[in-house]
PDB file of N, CA and C in Angstrom:
ATOM      1  N   MET A   1     -35.703  59.432   3.039  1.00  0.00           N
ATOM      2  CA  MET A   1     -34.519  58.775   3.973  1.00  0.00           C
ATOM      3  C   MET A   1     -34.211  57.352   3.594  1.00  0.00           C
ATOM      4  N   ALA A   2     -33.102  56.791   3.544  1.00  0.00           N
ATOM      5  CA  ALA A   2     -33.022  55.475   3.636  1.00  0.00           C
ATOM      6  C   ALA A   2     -33.414  54.515   4.452  1.00  0.00           C
ATOM      7  N   LYS A   3     -33.761  53.528   4.444  1.00  0.00           N
ATOM      8  CA  LYS A   3     -34.504  52.315   5.227  1.00  0.00           C
ATOM      9  C   LYS A   3     -33.137  51.740   6.208  1.00  0.00           C
ATOM     10  N   THR A   4     -33.190  51.437   7.253  1.00  0.00           N
ATOM     11  CA  THR A   4     -32.163  50.912   7.945  1.00  0.00           C
ATOM     12  C   THR A   4     -32.692  49.561   8.095  1.00  0.00           C
ATOM     13  N   GLY A   5     -31.754  48.456   8.080  1.00  0.00           N
ATOM     14  CA  GLY A   5     -31.805  47.143   7.956  1.00  0.00           C
ATOM     15  C   GLY A   5     -32.255  46.650   9.540  1.00  0.00           C
ATOM     16  N   LYS A   6     -32.643  45.411   9.651  1.00  0.00           N
ATOM     17  CA  LYS A   6     -32.896  44.873  10.887  1.00  0.00           C
ATOM     18  C   LYS A   6     -31.899  44.694  11.669  1.00  0.00           C
ATOM     19  N   LYS A   7     -31.797  44.893  12.985  1.00  0.00           N
ATOM     20  CA  LYS A   7     -30.555  44.251  13.560  1.00  0.00           C
ATOM     21  C   LYS A   7     -30.659  43.030  13.785  1.00  0.00           C
ATOM     22  N   LEU A   8     -29.391  42.305  13.918  1.00  0.00           N
ATOM     23  CA  LEU A   8     -29.289  40.883  13.929  1.00  0.00           C
ATOM     24  C   LEU A   8     -29.625  40.284  15.397  1.00  0.00           C
ATOM     25  N   THR A   9     -30.156  38.946  15.964  1.00  0.00           N
ATOM     26  CA  THR A   9     -30.059  38.795  17.046  1.00  0.00           C
ATOM     27  C   THR A   9     -28.567  38.218  17.467  1.00  0.00           C
ATOM     28  N   ALA A  10     -28.461  37.905  18.899  1.00  0.00           N
ATOM     29  CA  ALA A  10     -27.333  37.301  18.905  1.00  0.00           C
ATOM     30  C   ALA A  10     -27.032  36.128  18.504  1.00  0.00           C
ATOM     31  N   ALA A  11     -28.047  35.275  18.179  1.00  0.00           N
ATOM     32  CA  ALA A  11     -27.763  33.829  17.638  1.00  0.00           C
ATOM     33  C   ALA A  11     -27.433  34.118  16.162  1.00  0.00           C
ATOM     34  N   GLN A  12     -28.122  34.879  15.579  1.00  0.00           N
ATOM     35  CA  GLN A  12     -27.708  35.181  14.129  1.00  0.00           C
ATOM     36  C   GLN A  12     -26.379  35.743  14.071  1.00  0.00           C
ATOM     37  N   LYS A  13     -25.939  36.675  14.912  1.00  0.00           N
ATOM     38  CA  LYS A  13     -24.394  37.190  14.619  1.00  0.00           C
ATOM     39  C   LYS A  13     -23.445  36.141  15.055  1.00  0.00           C
ATOM     40  N   ARG A  14     -23.890  35.290  15.898  1.00  0.00           N
ATOM     41  CA  ARG A  14     -23.047  33.881  16.283  1.00  0.00           C
ATOM     42  C   ARG A  14     -22.867  33.126  14.893  1.00  0.00           C
ATOM     43  N   ALA A  15     -23.982  32.971  14.425  1.00  0.00           N
ATOM     44  CA  ALA A  15     -24.110  32.037  13.414  1.00  0.00           C
ATOM     45  C   ALA A  15     -23.180  32.412  12.181  1.00  0.00           C
ATOM     46  N   ARG A  16     -23.352  33.954  11.866  1.00  0.00           N
ATOM     47  CA  ARG A  16     -22.740  34.592  10.869  1.00  0.00           C
ATOM     48  C   ARG A  16     -21.192  34.343  10.875  1.00  0.00           C
ATOM     49  N   LYS A  17     -20.915  34.802  12.225  1.00  0.00           N
ATOM     50  CA  LYS A  17     -19.307  34.699  12.609  1.00  0.00           C
ATOM     51  C   LYS A  17     -18.641  33.212  12.553  1.00  0.00           C
ATOM     52  N   LYS A  18     -19.487  32.219  12.991  1.00  0.00           N
ATOM     53  CA  LYS A  18     -18.852  30.983  12.386  1.00  0.00           C
ATOM     54  C   LYS A  18     -18.833  30.662  10.859  1.00  0.00           C
ATOM     55  N   ALA A  19     -20.021  30.783  10.184  1.00  0.00           N
ATOM     56  CA  ALA A  19     -19.693  30.979   8.706  1.00  0.00           C
ATOM     57  C   ALA A  19     -18.581  31.536   8.459  1.00  0.00           C
ATOM     58  N   ARG A  20     -18.328  32.868   8.737  1.00  0.00           N
ATOM     59  CA  ARG A  20     -17.189  33.501   8.151  1.00  0.00           C
ATOM     60  C   ARG A  20     -15.745  32.956   8.660  1.00  0.00           C
ATOM     61  N   GLU A  21     -15.688  32.395   9.861  1.00  0.00           N
ATOM     62  CA  GLU A  21     -14.550  31.731  10.117  1.00  0.00           C
ATOM     63  C   GLU A  21     -14.296  30.364   9.472  1.00  0.00           C
ATOM     64  N   GLU A  22     -15.319  29.443   9.015  1.00  0.00           N
ATOM     65  CA  GLU A  22     -14.924  28.371   8.335  1.00  0.00           C
ATOM     66  C   GLU A  22     -14.840  28.862   6.967  1.00  0.00           C
ATOM     67  N   ARG A  23     -15.084  29.723   6.407  1.00  0.00           N
ATOM     68  CA  ARG A  23     -14.891  30.299   4.947  1.00  0.00           C
ATOM     69  C   ARG A  23     -13.728  30.741   4.668  1.00  0.00           C
ATOM     70  N   GLN A  24     -13.227  31.491   5.928  1.00  0.00           N
ATOM     71  CA  GLN A  24     -11.733  31.957   5.841  1.00  0.00           C
ATOM     72  C   GLN A  24     -10.730  30.695   5.992  1.00  0.00           C
ATOM     73  N   LYS A  25     -11.128  29.676   6.817  1.00  0.00           N
ATOM     74  CA  LYS A  25     -10.327  28.494   7.039  1.00  0.00           C
ATOM     75  C   LYS A  25     -10.317  27.692   5.319  1.00  0.00           C
ATOM     76  N   LYS A  26     -11.354  27.755   4.852  1.00  0.00           N
ATOM     77  CA  LYS A  26     -11.350  26.878   3.598  1.00  0.00           C
ATOM     78  C   LYS A  26     -10.869  27.510   2.399  1.00  0.00           C
ATOM     79  N   TYR A  27     -10.818  28.999   2.103  1.00  0.00           N
ATOM     80  CA  TYR A  27     -10.575  29.788   0.996  1.00  0.00           C
ATOM     81  C   TYR A  27      -9.459  30.650   1.413  1.00  0.00           C
ATOM     82  N   MET A  28      -8.665  31.372   0.332  1.00  0.00           N
ATOM     83  CA  MET A  28      -7.868  32.382   0.745  1.00  0.00           C
ATOM     84  C   MET A  28      -7.958  33.294  -0.529  1.00  0.00           C
ATOM     85  N   TRP A  29      -7.598  34.419  -0.337  1.00  0.00           N
ATOM     86  CA  TRP A  29      -7.748  35.639  -1.226  1.00  0.00           C
ATOM     87  C   TRP A  29      -6.264  35.714  -2.272  1.00  0.00           C
ATOM     88  N   VAL A  30      -6.178  35.580  -3.305  1.00  0.00           N
ATOM     89  CA  VAL A  30      -5.030  36.014  -4.132  1.00  0.00           C
ATOM     90  C   VAL A  30      -5.362  36.895  -5.254  1.00  0.00           C
ATOM     91  N   PHE A  31      -4.245  37.406  -5.985  1.00  0.00           N
ATOM     92  CA  PHE A  31      -4.479  38.269  -7.118  1.00  0.00           C
ATOM     93  C   PHE A  31      -4.105  37.507  -8.046  1.00  0.00           C
ATOM     94  N   MET A  32      -5.005  37.494  -9.082  1.00  0.00           N
ATOM     95  CA  MET A  32      -4.684  36.986 -10.437  1.00  0.00           C
ATOM     96  C   MET A  32      -5.136  37.964 -11.596  1.00  0.00           C
ATOM     97  N   ASN A  33      -4.150  38.089 -12.664  1.00  0.00           N
ATOM     98  CA  ASN A  33      -4.543  38.950 -13.717  1.00  0.00           C
ATOM     99  C   ASN A  33      -5.051  40.287 -13.098  1.00  0.00           C
ATOM    100  N   GLY A  34      -4.328  40.955 -11.834  1.00  0.00           N
ATOM    101  CA  GLY A  34      -4.966  42.070 -11.608  1.00  0.00           C
ATOM    102  C   GLY A  34      -5.952  42.265 -10.853  1.00  0.00           C
ATOM    103  N   LYS A  35      -6.430  40.877 -10.533  1.00  0.00           N
ATOM    104  CA  LYS A  35      -7.920  41.122  -9.775  1.00  0.00           C
ATOM    105  C   LYS A  35      -7.643  40.217  -8.600  1.00  0.00           C
ATOM    106  N   GLN A  36      -8.632  40.639  -7.627  1.00  0.00           N
ATOM    107  CA  GLN A  36      -8.270  39.718  -6.484  1.00  0.00           C
ATOM    108  C   GLN A  36      -9.371  38.737  -6.469  1.00  0.00           C
ATOM    109  N   VAL A  37      -9.074  37.561  -6.444  1.00  0.00           N
ATOM    110  CA  VAL A  37     -10.042  36.257  -6.179  1.00  0.00           C
ATOM    111  C   VAL A  37      -9.776  35.321  -5.279  1.00  0.00           C
ATOM    112  N   ARG A  38     -11.083  34.611  -4.705  1.00  0.00           N
ATOM    113  CA  ARG A  38     -10.976  33.703  -3.741  1.00  0.00           C
ATOM    114  C   ARG A  38     -10.602  32.327  -4.300  1.00  0.00           C
ATOM    115  N   ILE A  39      -9.733  31.536  -3.899  1.00  0.00           N
ATOM    116  CA  ILE A  39      -9.372  30.162  -4.275  1.00  0.00           C
ATOM    117  C   ILE A  39      -9.348  29.225  -2.927  1.00  0.00           C
ATOM    118  N   LYS A  40      -9.485  28.046  -3.214  1.00  0.00           N
ATOM    119  CA  LYS A  40      -9.466  26.961  -2.154  1.00  0.00           C
ATOM    120  C   LYS A  40      -8.075  27.000  -1.580  1.00  0.00           C
ATOM    121  N   ARG A  41      -7.770  26.587  -0.210  1.00  0.00           N
ATOM    122  CA  ARG A  41      -6.440  26.835   0.294  1.00  0.00           C
ATOM    123  C   ARG A  41      -5.881  25.232   0.060  1.00  0.00           C
ATOM    124  N   PRO A  42      -4.790  25.135  -0.089  1.00  0.00           N
ATOM    125  CA  PRO A  42      -4.049  23.804  -0.509  1.00  0.00           C
ATOM    126  C   PRO A  42      -4.213  23.013   0.919  1.00  0.00           C
ATOM    127  N   PRO A  43      -4.428  21.568   0.692  1.00  0.00           N
ATOM    128  CA  PRO A  43      -4.655  20.813   1.707  1.00  0.00           C
ATOM    129  C   PRO A  43      -3.373  20.815   2.818  1.00  0.00           C
ATOM    130  N   THR A  44      -3.517  20.958   4.221  1.00  0.00           N
ATOM    131  CA  THR A  44      -2.523  20.895   5.189  1.00  0.00           C
ATOM    132  C   THR A  44      -2.471  19.697   6.197  1.00  0.00           C
ATOM    133  N   ILE A  45      -1.489  19.472   6.944  1.00  0.00           N
ATOM    134  CA  ILE A  45      -1.765  18.550   7.960  1.00  0.00           C
ATOM    135  C   ILE A  45      -0.897  19.327   8.925  1.00  0.00           C
ATOM    136  N   GLU A  46      -1.497  19.448  10.083  1.00  0.00           N
ATOM    137  CA  GLU A  46      -1.045  19.964  11.287  1.00  0.00           C
ATOM    138  C   GLU A  46      -0.325  21.258  11.004  1.00  0.00           C
ATOM    139  N   GLU A  47      -0.895  22.062  10.253  1.00  0.00           N
ATOM    140  CA  GLU A  47      -0.876  23.436   9.917  1.00  0.00           C
ATOM    141  C   GLU A  47       0.248  23.618   9.150  1.00  0.00           C
ATOM    142  N   MET A  48       0.802  22.348   8.287  1.00  0.00           N
ATOM    143  CA  MET A  48       1.919  22.147   7.429  1.00  0.00           C
ATOM    144  C   MET A  48       1.587  21.702   6.079  1.00  0.00           C
ATOM    145  N   ASP A  49       1.857  22.289   5.260  1.00  0.00           N
ATOM    146  CA  ASP A  49       2.002  22.017   3.832  1.00  0.00           C
ATOM    147  C   ASP A  49       2.182  20.558   3.793  1.00  0.00           C
ATOM    148  N   MET A  50       1.427  19.675   2.813  1.00  0.00           N
ATOM    149  CA  MET A  50       1.372  18.377   2.816  1.00  0.00           C
ATOM    150  C   MET A  50       2.872  17.840   2.354  1.00  0.00           C
ATOM    151  N   ASP A  51       3.287  18.722   1.328  1.00  0.00           N
ATOM    152  CA  ASP A  51       4.788  18.037   0.708  1.00  0.00           C
ATOM    153  C   ASP A  51       5.559  18.427   1.909  1.00  0.00           C
ATOM    154  N   GLU A  52       5.650  19.410   2.477  1.00  0.00           N
ATOM    155  CA  GLU A  52       6.775  19.731   3.787  1.00  0.00           C
ATOM    156  C   GLU A  52       6.514  18.794   4.800  1.00  0.00           C
ATOM    157  N   PHE A  53       5.256  18.133   5.154  1.00  0.00           N
ATOM    158  CA  PHE A  53       4.899  17.294   6.304  1.00  0.00           C
ATOM    159  C   PHE A  53       5.412  15.832   5.722  1.00  0.00           C
ATOM    160  N   ILE A  54       5.450  15.444   4.672  1.00  0.00           N
ATOM    161  CA  ILE A  54       6.029  14.373   4.247  1.00  0.00           C
ATOM    162  C   ILE A  54       7.442  14.461   4.163  1.00  0.00           C
ATOM    163  N   ARG A  55       8.209  15.680   3.634  1.00  0.00           N
ATOM    164  CA  ARG A  55       9.583  15.623   3.664  1.00  0.00           C
ATOM    165  C   ARG A  55      10.311  15.564   5.272  1.00  0.00           C
ATOM    166  N   CYS A  56       9.464  16.015   5.868  1.00  0.00           N
ATOM    167  CA  CYS A  56       9.963  15.982   7.463  1.00  0.00           C
ATOM    168  C   CYS A  56       9.731  14.666   8.241  1.00  0.00           C
ATOM    169  N   ASN A  57       8.613  14.124   7.812  1.00  0.00           N
ATOM    170  CA  ASN A  57       8.229  12.947   8.616  1.00  0.00           C
ATOM    171  C   ASN A  57       8.376  11.383   8.081  1.00  0.00           C
ATOM    172  N   ALA A  58       8.548  11.188   6.531  1.00  0.00           N
ATOM    173  CA  ALA A  58       8.648  10.089   5.871  1.00  0.00           C
ATOM    174  C   ALA A  58       9.867   9.321   6.267  1.00  0.00           C
ATOM    175  N   ASP A  59       9.910   7.991   6.096  1.00  0.00           N
ATOM    176  CA  ASP A  59      10.990   7.498   6.110  1.00  0.00           C
ATOM    177  C   ASP A  59      11.363   7.047   4.969  1.00  0.00           C
ATOM    178  N   PRO A  60      12.600   6.603   4.563  1.00  0.00           N
ATOM    179  CA  PRO A  60      13.056   6.218   3.424  1.00  0.00           C
ATOM    180  C   PRO A  60      12.542   5.035   2.433  1.00  0.00           C
ATOM    181  N   ILE A  61      11.656   4.169   3.467  1.00  0.00           N
ATOM    182  CA  ILE A  61      11.186   2.799   2.703  1.00  0.00           C
ATOM    183  C   ILE A  61       9.789   3.412   2.620  1.00  0.00           C
ATOM    184  N   TRP A  62       9.075   4.208   3.187  1.00  0.00           N
ATOM    185  CA  TRP A  62       7.924   4.645   2.418  1.00  0.00           C
ATOM    186  C   TRP A  62       8.061   5.473   1.330  1.00  0.00           C
ATOM    187  N   LEU A  63       8.863   6.493   1.287  1.00  0.00           N
ATOM    188  CA  LEU A  63       9.292   7.330   0.106  1.00  0.00           C
ATOM    189  C   LEU A  63       9.503   6.557  -1.208  1.00  0.00           C
ATOM    190  N   HIS A  64      10.125   5.316  -0.964  1.00  0.00           N
ATOM    191  CA  HIS A  64      10.518   4.367  -1.999  1.00  0.00           C
ATOM    192  C   HIS A  64       9.469   3.887  -2.350  1.00  0.00           C
ATOM    193  N   GLN A  65       8.552   3.342  -1.654  1.00  0.00           N
ATOM    194  CA  GLN A  65       7.351   2.406  -1.953  1.00  0.00           C
ATOM    195  C   GLN A  65       6.435   3.337  -2.541  1.00  0.00           C
ATOM    196  N   ASN A  66       6.273   4.802  -2.547  1.00  0.00           N
ATOM    197  CA  ASN A  66       5.379   5.695  -3.006  1.00  0.00           C
ATOM    198  C   ASN A  66       6.011   6.305  -4.118  1.00  0.00           C
ATOM    199  N   GLU A  67       7.284   5.860  -4.574  1.00  0.00           N
ATOM    200  CA  GLU A  67       7.708   6.448  -5.830  1.00  0.00           C
ATOM    201  C   GLU A  67       8.469   8.025  -5.545  1.00  0.00           C
ATOM    202  N   MET A  68       8.523   8.141  -4.380  1.00  0.00           N
ATOM    203  CA  MET A  68       8.840   9.727  -3.861  1.00  0.00           C
ATOM    204  C   MET A  68      10.450   9.738  -3.977  1.00  0.00           C
ATOM    205  N   ARG A  69      11.140   9.097  -4.655  1.00  0.00           N
ATOM    206  CA  ARG A  69      12.684   9.037  -4.607  1.00  0.00           C
ATOM    207  C   ARG A  69      13.445  10.227  -4.420  1.00  0.00           C
ATOM    208  N   GLN A  70      12.817  11.169  -5.293  1.00  0.00           N
ATOM    209  CA  GLN A  70      13.432  12.576  -5.246  1.00  0.00           C
ATOM    210  C   GLN A  70      13.505  13.317  -3.917  1.00  0.00           C
ATOM    211  N   LEU A  71      12.459  12.865  -2.991  1.00  0.00           N
ATOM    212  CA  LEU A  71      12.610  13.457  -1.637  1.00  0.00           C
ATOM    213  C   LEU A  71      13.546  12.691  -0.637  1.00  0.00           C
ATOM    214  N   MET A  72      14.079  11.725  -0.863  1.00  0.00           N
ATOM    215  CA  MET A  72      15.149  10.842  -0.005  1.00  0.00           C
ATOM    216  C   MET A  72      16.184  11.602  -0.007  1.00  0.00           C
ATOM    217  N   ALA A  73      16.794  11.576   1.257  1.00  0.00           N
ATOM    218  CA  ALA A  73      18.148  12.300   1.399  1.00  0.00           C
ATOM    219  C   ALA A  73      19.361  11.483   1.039  1.00  0.00           C
ATOM    220  N   MET A  74      20.065  12.180   0.501  1.00  0.00           N
ATOM    221  CA  MET A  74      21.081  11.452  -0.246  1.00  0.00           C
ATOM    222  C   MET A  74      22.497  11.467   0.698  1.00  0.00           C
ATOM    223  N   ASN A  75      22.281  10.852   1.641  1.00  0.00           N
ATOM    224  CA  ASN A  75      23.285  11.195   2.876  1.00  0.00           C
ATOM    225  C   ASN A  75      23.939   9.824   2.835  1.00  0.00           C
ATOM    226  N   ASP A  76      25.415   9.639   2.449  1.00  0.00           N
ATOM    227  CA  ASP A  76      26.153   8.463   2.310  1.00  0.00           C
ATOM    228  C   ASP A  76      26.429   8.092   3.880  1.00  0.00           C
ATOM    229  N   HIS A  77      26.359   8.837   5.103  1.00  0.00           N
ATOM    230  CA  HIS A  77      26.932   8.399   6.214  1.00  0.00           C
ATOM    231  C   HIS A  77      25.718   7.865   7.082  1.00  0.00           C
ATOM    232  N   ASP A  78      24.602   7.771   6.688  1.00  0.00           N
ATOM    233  CA  ASP A  78      23.532   6.904   7.314  1.00  0.00           C
ATOM    234  C   ASP A  78      23.894   5.539   7.427  1.00  0.00           C
ATOM    235  N   GLY A  79      23.850   4.987   8.788  1.00  0.00           N
ATOM    236  CA  GLY A  79      24.140   3.444   9.066  1.00  0.00           C
ATOM    237  C   GLY A  79      25.782   3.437   9.133  1.00  0.00           C
ATOM    238  N   GLU A  80      26.532   4.150   8.912  1.00  0.00           N
ATOM    239  CA  GLU A  80      27.953   3.824   9.309  1.00  0.00           C
ATOM    240  C   GLU A  80      28.361   4.185  10.671  1.00  0.00           C
ATOM    241  N   GLU A  81      29.373   3.333  11.211  1.00  0.00           N
ATOM    242  CA  GLU A  81      29.501   3.416  12.768  1.00  0.00           C
ATOM    243  C   GLU A  81      30.944   4.346  12.434  1.00  0.00           C
ATOM    244  N   LEU A  82      31.110   5.252  13.658  1.00  0.00           N
ATOM    245  CA  LEU A  82      32.261   5.932  13.848  1.00  0.00           C
ATOM    246  C   LEU A  82      33.196   5.411  14.751  1.00  0.00           C
TER     247      LEU A  82
END
């Protein structure tokens, strides 16, 4: 007969669950070359991708100072009065 493993205590179960949750936040699974591999998740701000967050919240002066001119909106009607 096969040996059965020891049962975990409640504290051990909680610690294992917490470690799993942290690992899931830090890594994600993707397919590369037909195999499933774990890679680090891209950095996020408020559950948004960093590029998307910058695109939504940055003002034109900050974008210009940080050489992100490609993200600046090309709207000619900014600042014109009707």
